[in-house]
Protein backbone atom coordinates (compact mmCIF):
# COMPACT_ATOMS: atom_id res chain seq x y z
CA MET A 1 -12.47 49.70 -34.38
CA VAL A 2 -15.99 49.19 -35.67
CA ASN A 3 -16.18 46.67 -38.41
CA THR A 4 -17.54 47.73 -41.61
CA ILE A 5 -20.27 46.00 -43.73
CA PHE A 6 -17.47 44.77 -46.01
CA ASP A 7 -15.51 43.30 -43.02
CA GLN A 8 -18.62 41.47 -41.89
CA LEU A 9 -19.28 40.03 -45.45
CA ARG A 10 -15.65 38.78 -45.52
CA GLN A 11 -16.05 37.10 -42.21
CA GLN A 12 -19.13 35.49 -43.20
CA GLU A 13 -17.72 34.32 -46.40
CA LYS A 14 -14.75 32.79 -44.59
CA GLU A 15 -17.18 31.10 -41.96
CA ASN A 16 -19.08 29.63 -44.99
CA ARG A 17 -15.92 28.23 -46.74
CA ARG A 18 -14.97 26.68 -43.17
CA PHE A 19 -18.38 24.86 -43.07
CA ALA A 20 -17.95 23.71 -46.64
CA ILE A 21 -14.46 22.34 -46.05
CA VAL A 22 -16.04 20.56 -42.78
CA ASP A 23 -18.53 18.94 -45.05
CA VAL A 24 -15.91 17.60 -47.37
CA ALA A 25 -13.78 16.39 -44.38
CA GLU A 26 -16.82 14.57 -42.82
CA LYS A 27 -17.40 12.81 -46.16
CA ILE A 28 -14.02 11.47 -46.34
CA LEU A 29 -14.31 10.44 -42.63
CA HIS A 30 -17.52 8.32 -43.46
CA ASP A 31 -16.06 6.96 -46.64
CA LYS A 32 -12.59 6.19 -45.64
CA GLY A 33 -11.93 6.56 -42.17
CA LEU A 34 -10.31 8.90 -39.47
CA GLU A 35 -6.86 8.38 -41.00
CA ALA A 36 -7.77 9.58 -44.24
CA VAL A 37 -8.86 12.96 -42.95
CA THR A 38 -5.65 14.97 -43.67
CA ILE A 39 -5.11 18.50 -44.72
CA ARG A 40 -3.84 17.31 -48.08
CA ASN A 41 -6.73 14.97 -48.60
CA VAL A 42 -9.53 17.39 -47.69
CA ALA A 43 -7.86 20.23 -49.77
CA LYS A 44 -7.68 18.00 -52.86
CA MET A 45 -11.29 16.96 -52.50
CA ALA A 46 -12.31 20.69 -51.80
CA GLY A 47 -10.40 21.94 -54.79
CA LEU A 48 -8.10 23.84 -52.65
CA SER A 49 -4.50 24.00 -52.30
CA SER A 50 -2.87 22.69 -49.01
CA GLY A 51 -1.62 26.28 -48.42
CA SER A 52 -5.12 27.77 -48.70
CA MET A 53 -6.52 25.18 -46.15
CA TYR A 54 -4.28 26.59 -43.48
CA MET A 55 -6.16 29.96 -43.96
CA TYR A 56 -9.08 28.15 -42.32
CA PHE A 57 -7.75 25.45 -40.20
CA LYS A 58 -4.19 25.27 -38.80
CA ASN A 59 -3.95 21.57 -38.30
CA LYS A 60 -6.08 18.40 -38.67
CA GLU A 61 -6.98 18.47 -34.97
CA GLU A 62 -8.70 21.81 -35.43
CA LEU A 63 -10.53 20.46 -38.43
CA LEU A 64 -11.81 17.71 -36.39
CA LEU A 65 -12.69 19.89 -33.42
CA CYS A 66 -14.72 21.99 -35.79
CA MET A 67 -16.54 19.02 -37.08
CA LEU A 68 -17.12 17.84 -33.60
CA VAL A 69 -18.75 21.08 -32.43
CA GLN A 70 -21.00 20.92 -35.64
CA ASN A 71 -22.18 17.54 -34.67
CA LEU A 72 -22.69 18.32 -31.21
CA LYS A 73 -24.86 21.13 -32.23
CA VAL A 74 -26.95 18.93 -34.23
CA LEU A 75 -27.35 16.64 -31.10
CA LYS A 76 -28.31 19.46 -28.96
CA LYS A 77 -31.18 20.60 -31.29
CA ASP A 78 -32.45 17.01 -31.51
CA MET A 79 -32.25 16.87 -27.72
CA ASP A 80 -34.04 20.02 -27.31
CA THR A 81 -37.21 18.34 -28.66
CA CYS A 82 -37.18 15.85 -25.77
CA MET A 83 -37.92 18.70 -23.34
CA ASP A 84 -41.65 18.90 -24.70
CA ASN A 85 -42.26 15.40 -23.29
CA GLN A 86 -43.98 15.57 -19.92
CA ASN A 87 -42.76 11.99 -18.89
CA PRO A 88 -39.12 12.46 -17.78
CA MET A 89 -38.40 8.75 -18.26
CA GLU A 90 -39.65 8.89 -21.90
CA ALA A 91 -37.43 11.95 -22.31
CA ILE A 92 -34.41 10.04 -21.31
CA LYS A 93 -35.36 7.34 -23.69
CA LYS A 94 -35.53 9.76 -26.46
CA MET A 95 -32.24 11.54 -25.37
CA ALA A 96 -30.66 8.00 -25.66
CA TYR A 97 -31.93 7.47 -29.13
CA HIS A 98 -30.75 10.90 -30.26
CA TYR A 99 -27.31 10.09 -28.65
CA LYS A 100 -27.26 6.79 -30.72
CA SER A 101 -27.83 8.59 -33.95
CA TYR A 102 -25.19 11.05 -33.09
CA PHE A 103 -22.60 8.30 -32.12
CA ILE A 104 -23.40 6.26 -35.42
CA ARG A 105 -23.12 9.42 -37.48
CA PHE A 106 -19.94 10.75 -35.80
CA GLY A 107 -19.06 9.94 -32.15
CA LYS A 108 -17.59 6.52 -32.85
CA TYR A 109 -14.84 8.27 -34.86
CA ILE A 110 -13.85 11.05 -32.22
CA ASN A 111 -13.85 10.97 -28.50
CA ILE A 112 -15.12 14.24 -26.94
CA LEU A 113 -12.62 13.83 -24.11
CA SER A 114 -9.65 13.98 -26.41
CA PHE A 115 -10.34 17.58 -26.91
CA THR A 116 -11.01 18.45 -23.30
CA ILE A 117 -8.58 16.63 -21.28
CA ARG A 118 -5.47 15.85 -23.63
CA GLU A 119 -2.44 18.10 -23.35
CA ASP A 120 -0.06 16.28 -25.73
CA SER A 121 0.22 16.07 -29.60
CA GLY A 122 -0.67 19.56 -30.19
CA PHE A 123 -4.26 19.34 -28.65
CA ASN A 124 -3.51 22.12 -26.36
CA ASN A 125 -2.67 24.37 -29.29
CA LEU A 126 -6.07 24.58 -30.81
CA ASN A 127 -8.09 27.79 -31.55
CA PRO A 128 -9.30 28.93 -27.96
CA GLU A 129 -12.65 30.21 -29.39
CA MET A 130 -13.43 26.71 -30.94
CA VAL A 131 -12.44 25.07 -27.70
CA LYS A 132 -14.75 27.44 -25.79
CA GLU A 133 -17.51 26.82 -28.33
CA LEU A 134 -17.03 23.03 -27.59
CA LYS A 135 -17.29 23.58 -23.82
CA ASP A 136 -20.30 25.69 -24.35
CA ILE A 137 -22.26 23.12 -26.20
CA LEU A 138 -21.12 20.24 -23.79
CA SER A 139 -22.45 22.48 -20.98
CA LYS A 140 -25.71 23.05 -22.65
CA LEU A 141 -26.21 19.40 -23.43
CA LEU A 142 -25.48 18.34 -19.74
CA ALA A 143 -27.95 21.02 -18.49
CA LEU A 144 -30.57 19.41 -20.65
CA VAL A 145 -30.04 16.06 -18.93
CA GLN A 146 -30.01 17.77 -15.65
CA GLU A 147 -33.16 19.61 -16.27
CA THR A 148 -34.79 16.17 -17.12
CA LEU A 149 -33.49 14.54 -14.15
CA SER A 150 -34.79 17.48 -11.85
CA ALA A 151 -38.43 16.63 -12.76
CA PRO A 152 -40.34 15.62 -9.72
CA PRO A 153 -41.21 12.21 -11.22
CA MET A 154 -37.51 11.29 -11.25
CA LYS A 155 -37.17 11.85 -7.56
CA GLY A 156 -37.61 8.21 -6.52
CA ALA A 157 -35.45 6.74 -9.38
CA LEU A 158 -32.34 8.85 -8.15
CA LYS A 159 -32.46 7.22 -4.83
CA GLY A 160 -31.82 10.49 -3.04
CA LEU A 161 -28.86 11.69 -5.08
CA PRO A 162 -29.04 15.22 -6.20
CA PRO A 163 -29.64 15.56 -10.09
CA GLU A 164 -26.21 17.20 -10.88
CA ARG A 165 -24.49 14.03 -9.39
CA CYS A 166 -26.60 11.81 -11.63
CA VAL A 167 -25.85 13.66 -14.79
CA PRO A 168 -22.47 12.05 -15.60
CA VAL A 169 -23.85 8.67 -14.45
CA LEU A 170 -26.73 8.85 -16.97
CA TRP A 171 -24.62 10.20 -19.67
CA ALA A 172 -22.14 7.31 -19.07
CA LEU A 173 -24.86 4.79 -19.10
CA ILE A 174 -26.48 6.12 -22.43
CA GLN A 175 -22.97 6.10 -24.11
CA GLY A 176 -22.23 2.62 -22.64
CA LEU A 177 -25.48 1.18 -24.04
CA VAL A 178 -24.70 2.83 -27.60
CA GLN A 179 -21.17 1.56 -27.81
CA ILE A 180 -22.14 -2.18 -27.05
CA THR A 181 -24.98 -2.01 -29.48
CA ILE A 182 -23.78 -0.12 -32.61
CA PRO A 183 -24.49 -1.78 -35.80
CA ALA A 184 -22.06 -4.56 -36.43
CA PRO A 185 -20.72 -5.77 -39.92
CA THR A 186 -23.18 -8.68 -39.83
CA PRO A 187 -26.41 -9.18 -37.55
CA GLU A 188 -24.64 -12.30 -36.21
CA ASP A 189 -22.03 -10.15 -34.70
CA THR A 190 -24.47 -8.00 -32.55
CA PHE A 191 -24.60 -9.43 -29.22
CA PHE A 192 -26.99 -6.86 -27.53
CA ASP A 193 -30.02 -4.94 -28.67
CA PHE A 194 -30.27 -1.46 -27.97
CA ASP A 195 -34.10 -1.17 -27.56
CA GLN A 196 -34.17 -4.08 -25.24
CA LEU A 197 -31.34 -2.88 -23.10
CA LEU A 198 -32.75 0.36 -22.89
CA GLU A 199 -36.19 -0.95 -21.80
CA ASP A 200 -34.27 -2.93 -19.05
CA VAL A 201 -32.53 -0.07 -17.84
CA THR A 202 -35.64 2.19 -17.59
CA HIS A 203 -37.22 -0.67 -15.81
CA ILE A 204 -34.56 -0.97 -13.27
CA LEU A 205 -34.66 2.77 -12.64
CA ILE A 206 -38.45 2.68 -12.19
């Protein structure tokens, strides 16, 4: 059945409302934390009834998944700019900084793996199209990392390992650097400096 122009407009309106709801949910996330992101709280702040919310998201997990996908798209867009750099090591550094920005903005609240490997608590009952979108954006992000590692100047740093095997290693390394250097409540609580650690890591790789 061919969709009419009115069907398309209705679908676009629904998507726009979903994005607006996600914006509200993300504001609650940053202001009050993950536990405060409930269907009831988001609906109240968005000026909707809880029943209306279920027209767009059937549960909190699906709302969080949509937030995650949107933030990963921003990360992908940022990381795309790294590919203009002719020096692969500098490109990796820029990727690390972009991931740090993503993590501070959103990643510290939600673990990507909880949506890709968990099977309990209803996580396996999410919108399959949204799950596919998550896996697609993750694949594109990892492909960017692999493309950078496949550059000829990186050959020596990989110590003979194929780039595809180094992708999860680098991803884990960047994530680890970010997690131990995220801003602490006070400067005295920060034990490691991200800039210095990243310089040390690239020095070891070179």
